[in-house]
Amino acid sequence: MEKISLDEPDDIDTQRLGEKWKSELVEKYGIDENRIFVIKAAADEFREGEIDVWVTPPGIPLPNTYSSDEDLQSDNG
């Protein structure tokens, strides 16, 4: 019987990936690079973390990426 190997996926260079996405948004869509934020979000018990990409209107602050769904519901009344 042949042994099945469950190899781990290669590690991802999140910094390089984020810069690639940012570059594509600037080049393909003409978005000002100062409006693009690539944030590595915190890991939790179910995931190892994630990468968020935010494109904000000029002068608008970034949303709180650490707020929970309950926080959002209480803010919206």
N, C-alpha and C. Protein backbone atom coordinates (compact mmCIF):
# COMPACT_ATOMS: atom_id res chain seq x y z
N MET A 1 0.85 -1.18 0.00
CA MET A 1 0.00 0.00 0.00
C MET A 1 0.89 1.24 0.00
N GLU A 2 0.56 2.19 -0.86
CA GLU A 2 1.33 3.42 -0.98
C GLU A 2 0.97 4.38 0.15
N LYS A 3 1.99 4.97 0.76
CA LYS A 3 1.78 5.92 1.84
C LYS A 3 1.42 7.29 1.24
N ILE A 4 0.39 7.90 1.76
CA ILE A 4 -0.04 9.22 1.30
C ILE A 4 0.66 10.28 2.15
N SER A 5 1.28 11.23 1.50
CA SER A 5 1.97 12.30 2.20
C SER A 5 1.08 13.54 2.24
N LEU A 6 0.85 14.03 3.43
CA LEU A 6 0.08 15.26 3.58
C LEU A 6 1.06 16.39 3.89
N ASP A 7 1.70 16.88 2.85
CA ASP A 7 2.69 17.93 3.03
C ASP A 7 2.03 19.23 3.47
N GLU A 8 2.76 19.93 4.31
CA GLU A 8 2.32 21.25 4.72
C GLU A 8 2.50 22.20 3.54
N PRO A 9 1.60 23.15 3.38
CA PRO A 9 1.80 24.13 2.30
C PRO A 9 3.02 24.99 2.61
N ASP A 10 3.61 25.57 1.57
CA ASP A 10 4.74 26.46 1.76
C ASP A 10 4.33 27.67 2.59
N ASP A 11 5.28 28.16 3.38
CA ASP A 11 5.03 29.39 4.13
C ASP A 11 4.84 30.54 3.15
N ILE A 12 3.95 31.42 3.49
CA ILE A 12 3.66 32.57 2.64
C ILE A 12 4.34 33.79 3.22
N ASP A 13 5.03 34.53 2.40
CA ASP A 13 5.63 35.79 2.82
C ASP A 13 4.53 36.84 2.75
N THR A 14 3.86 37.07 3.87
CA THR A 14 2.70 37.95 3.89
C THR A 14 3.07 39.40 3.55
N GLN A 15 4.25 39.82 3.95
CA GLN A 15 4.69 41.18 3.62
C GLN A 15 4.79 41.35 2.10
N ARG A 16 5.42 40.38 1.44
CA ARG A 16 5.58 40.45 -0.02
C ARG A 16 4.23 40.33 -0.73
N LEU A 17 3.38 39.46 -0.23
CA LEU A 17 2.06 39.30 -0.83
C LEU A 17 1.25 40.59 -0.72
N GLY A 18 1.29 41.22 0.45
CA GLY A 18 0.57 42.47 0.64
C GLY A 18 1.08 43.57 -0.27
N GLU A 19 2.39 43.65 -0.44
CA GLU A 19 2.95 44.66 -1.33
C GLU A 19 2.56 44.38 -2.79
N LYS A 20 2.47 43.11 -3.15
CA LYS A 20 2.05 42.74 -4.51
C LYS A 20 0.60 43.20 -4.75
N TRP A 21 -0.27 42.92 -3.79
CA TRP A 21 -1.67 43.34 -3.93
C TRP A 21 -1.77 44.85 -4.04
N LYS A 22 -1.03 45.55 -3.18
CA LYS A 22 -1.06 47.01 -3.18
C LYS A 22 -0.60 47.54 -4.54
N SER A 23 0.47 46.97 -5.05
CA SER A 23 1.01 47.39 -6.34
C SER A 23 -0.02 47.18 -7.46
N GLU A 24 -0.71 46.04 -7.44
CA GLU A 24 -1.72 45.76 -8.46
C GLU A 24 -2.87 46.75 -8.39
N LEU A 25 -3.30 47.10 -7.18
CA LEU A 25 -4.40 48.06 -7.03
C LEU A 25 -4.00 49.44 -7.56
N VAL A 26 -2.76 49.82 -7.33
CA VAL A 26 -2.26 51.11 -7.82
C VAL A 26 -2.15 51.09 -9.34
N GLU A 27 -1.53 50.04 -9.89
CA GLU A 27 -1.27 49.98 -11.33
C GLU A 27 -2.53 49.72 -12.15
N LYS A 28 -3.36 48.77 -11.74
CA LYS A 28 -4.53 48.40 -12.55
C LYS A 28 -5.71 49.34 -12.38
N TYR A 29 -5.89 49.87 -11.16
CA TYR A 29 -7.09 50.64 -10.88
C TYR A 29 -6.82 52.11 -10.57
N GLY A 30 -5.54 52.50 -10.54
CA GLY A 30 -5.20 53.90 -10.33
C GLY A 30 -5.52 54.42 -8.94
N ILE A 31 -5.59 53.55 -7.96
CA ILE A 31 -5.88 53.97 -6.59
C ILE A 31 -4.61 54.54 -5.97
N ASP A 32 -4.73 55.69 -5.32
CA ASP A 32 -3.59 56.31 -4.64
C ASP A 32 -3.08 55.36 -3.57
N GLU A 33 -1.78 55.08 -3.60
CA GLU A 33 -1.21 54.10 -2.66
C GLU A 33 -1.37 54.52 -1.21
N ASN A 34 -1.56 55.81 -0.94
CA ASN A 34 -1.76 56.27 0.44
C ASN A 34 -3.13 55.91 0.99
N ARG A 35 -4.02 55.44 0.12
CA ARG A 35 -5.36 55.02 0.56
C ARG A 35 -5.46 53.52 0.78
N ILE A 36 -4.39 52.79 0.48
CA ILE A 36 -4.42 51.32 0.57
C ILE A 36 -3.65 50.88 1.81
N PHE A 37 -4.31 50.08 2.62
CA PHE A 37 -3.69 49.56 3.83
C PHE A 37 -3.79 48.04 3.81
N VAL A 38 -2.66 47.38 3.99
CA VAL A 38 -2.62 45.92 4.07
C VAL A 38 -2.26 45.59 5.51
N ILE A 39 -3.17 44.91 6.19
CA ILE A 39 -3.02 44.65 7.62
C ILE A 39 -3.04 43.15 7.87
N LYS A 40 -2.06 42.68 8.60
CA LYS A 40 -2.05 41.28 9.01
C LYS A 40 -2.86 41.20 10.30
N ALA A 41 -4.03 40.60 10.21
CA ALA A 41 -4.93 40.52 11.36
C ALA A 41 -4.48 39.40 12.31
N ALA A 42 -4.85 39.55 13.53
CA ALA A 42 -4.43 38.61 14.57
C ALA A 42 -5.03 37.23 14.37
N ALA A 43 -4.29 36.24 14.83
CA ALA A 43 -4.78 34.86 14.81
C ALA A 43 -5.77 34.66 15.95
N ASP A 44 -6.64 33.70 15.78
CA ASP A 44 -7.53 33.32 16.88
C ASP A 44 -7.47 31.81 17.03
N GLU A 45 -8.34 31.24 17.84
CA GLU A 45 -8.24 29.82 18.11
C GLU A 45 -8.58 28.94 16.90
N PHE A 46 -9.23 29.50 15.89
CA PHE A 46 -9.63 28.71 14.73
C PHE A 46 -8.78 28.94 13.49
N ARG A 47 -8.09 30.07 13.45
CA ARG A 47 -7.30 30.42 12.27
C ARG A 47 -5.92 30.92 12.69
N GLU A 48 -4.99 30.83 11.76
CA GLU A 48 -3.64 31.31 12.03
C GLU A 48 -3.49 32.79 11.76
N GLY A 49 -4.54 33.43 11.40
CA GLY A 49 -4.51 34.85 11.06
C GLY A 49 -4.96 35.05 9.64
N GLU A 50 -5.08 36.28 9.26
CA GLU A 50 -5.51 36.59 7.90
C GLU A 50 -4.93 37.92 7.48
N ILE A 51 -5.04 38.21 6.23
CA ILE A 51 -4.57 39.47 5.69
C ILE A 51 -5.79 40.26 5.24
N ASP A 52 -5.92 41.47 5.76
CA ASP A 52 -7.00 42.36 5.35
C ASP A 52 -6.43 43.43 4.44
N VAL A 53 -7.15 43.74 3.39
CA VAL A 53 -6.77 44.84 2.50
C VAL A 53 -7.89 45.87 2.56
N TRP A 54 -7.53 47.10 2.93
CA TRP A 54 -8.51 48.16 3.05
C TRP A 54 -8.15 49.28 2.09
N VAL A 55 -9.14 49.75 1.35
CA VAL A 55 -8.99 50.94 0.52
C VAL A 55 -9.96 51.95 1.11
N THR A 56 -9.40 53.03 1.63
CA THR A 56 -10.24 54.00 2.33
C THR A 56 -10.44 55.26 1.51
N PRO A 57 -11.59 55.91 1.69
CA PRO A 57 -11.76 57.22 1.08
C PRO A 57 -10.79 58.20 1.74
N PRO A 58 -10.39 59.25 1.03
CA PRO A 58 -9.48 60.22 1.63
C PRO A 58 -10.03 60.78 2.95
N GLY A 59 -9.18 60.81 3.98
CA GLY A 59 -9.56 61.41 5.26
C GLY A 59 -10.37 60.53 6.19
N ILE A 60 -10.71 59.33 5.78
CA ILE A 60 -11.51 58.43 6.62
C ILE A 60 -10.56 57.47 7.34
N PRO A 61 -10.71 57.29 8.67
CA PRO A 61 -9.82 56.37 9.38
C PRO A 61 -10.15 54.92 9.08
N LEU A 62 -9.18 54.07 9.32
CA LEU A 62 -9.40 52.63 9.15
C LEU A 62 -10.40 52.12 10.18
N PRO A 63 -11.20 51.12 9.83
CA PRO A 63 -12.07 50.50 10.82
C PRO A 63 -11.24 49.69 11.82
N ASN A 64 -11.80 49.41 12.97
CA ASN A 64 -11.14 48.61 13.99
C ASN A 64 -11.24 47.15 13.59
N THR A 65 -10.14 46.56 13.16
CA THR A 65 -10.15 45.17 12.71
C THR A 65 -10.22 44.19 13.87
N TYR A 66 -10.07 44.68 15.08
CA TYR A 66 -10.11 43.80 16.24
C TYR A 66 -11.46 43.81 16.95
N SER A 67 -12.41 44.58 16.44
CA SER A 67 -13.73 44.60 17.07
C SER A 67 -14.48 43.32 16.73
N SER A 68 -15.35 42.92 17.62
CA SER A 68 -16.13 41.70 17.40
C SER A 68 -17.46 42.07 16.73
N ASP A 69 -18.19 41.05 16.28
CA ASP A 69 -19.50 41.27 15.69
C ASP A 69 -20.44 41.93 16.71
N GLU A 70 -20.29 41.57 17.99
CA GLU A 70 -21.13 42.17 19.03
C GLU A 70 -20.86 43.66 19.15
N ASP A 71 -19.59 44.07 19.05
CA ASP A 71 -19.25 45.49 19.10
C ASP A 71 -19.93 46.24 17.96
N LEU A 72 -19.91 45.65 16.76
CA LEU A 72 -20.52 46.31 15.61
C LEU A 72 -22.03 46.45 15.79
N GLN A 73 -22.68 45.43 16.34
CA GLN A 73 -24.12 45.49 16.54
C GLN A 73 -24.47 46.55 17.57
N SER A 74 -23.69 46.66 18.64
CA SER A 74 -23.99 47.66 19.66
C SER A 74 -23.75 49.07 19.14
N ASP A 75 -22.78 49.25 18.25
CA ASP A 75 -22.53 50.56 17.66
C ASP A 75 -23.64 50.99 16.73
N ASN A 76 -24.30 50.02 16.08
CA ASN A 76 -25.36 50.33 15.12
C ASN A 76 -26.74 50.43 15.77
N GLY A 77 -26.81 50.27 17.08
CA GLY A 77 -28.04 50.49 17.80
C GLY A 77 -28.92 49.33 17.87
